[in-house]
Amino acid sequence: MEKTKPVFSHKETVEAVNKVLNKLLRSQEQGDVESFANCFVHDASVVHIGTDIDEFFISWREYFHWVDDVLLSRKGQEINAKDTRIRVSINGQTAWYSQLIDTCYETRDEITRIEGFRHTGVLINTDKGWKIVQSHVSAPINTSI
């Protein structure tokens, strides 16, 4: 019997990944820790790089320990994504994204509104669906000042 490559729909894959990204943002707005956690792989392969120098996490446990309090403090903050771009690997098992986000965030006990916050990452297709394994957020700097 000849082996064939599994067929996947690029459009369906992009829609599934976009659904995870939307869930990620809505869970942050609502302070929903469980929904947020459901967007990620829960092992040592997770990497998250945040905006502050100490926000570099190299496992789910490390990241979740930090993010739990952050999500509750952000509850009610509106988050709007724009210019979301999703790309999918040839075999359909890995996807990466970039997007700009308008949101408020708290750092060092101060809330700041930022437009064009950069958010990028990588998802893998697991037996539980698409999950984030790597994410990175950065704040734009106005260089015209």
Foldseek 3Di string as FASTA:
>chain_A
DDDDADDDDPVVLVVQLVVLVVQCQVCLQALPLVSNLLQADQFQLAWEAEADPPRTDRGNVRNSVVCNVQSVVNHNKDKDKPPKDKDADPSRFKIKIKIFMFIWGDDPRDIDTAGRWIKIFMWGQDPSGIHTRYMYTYGDDPPVD
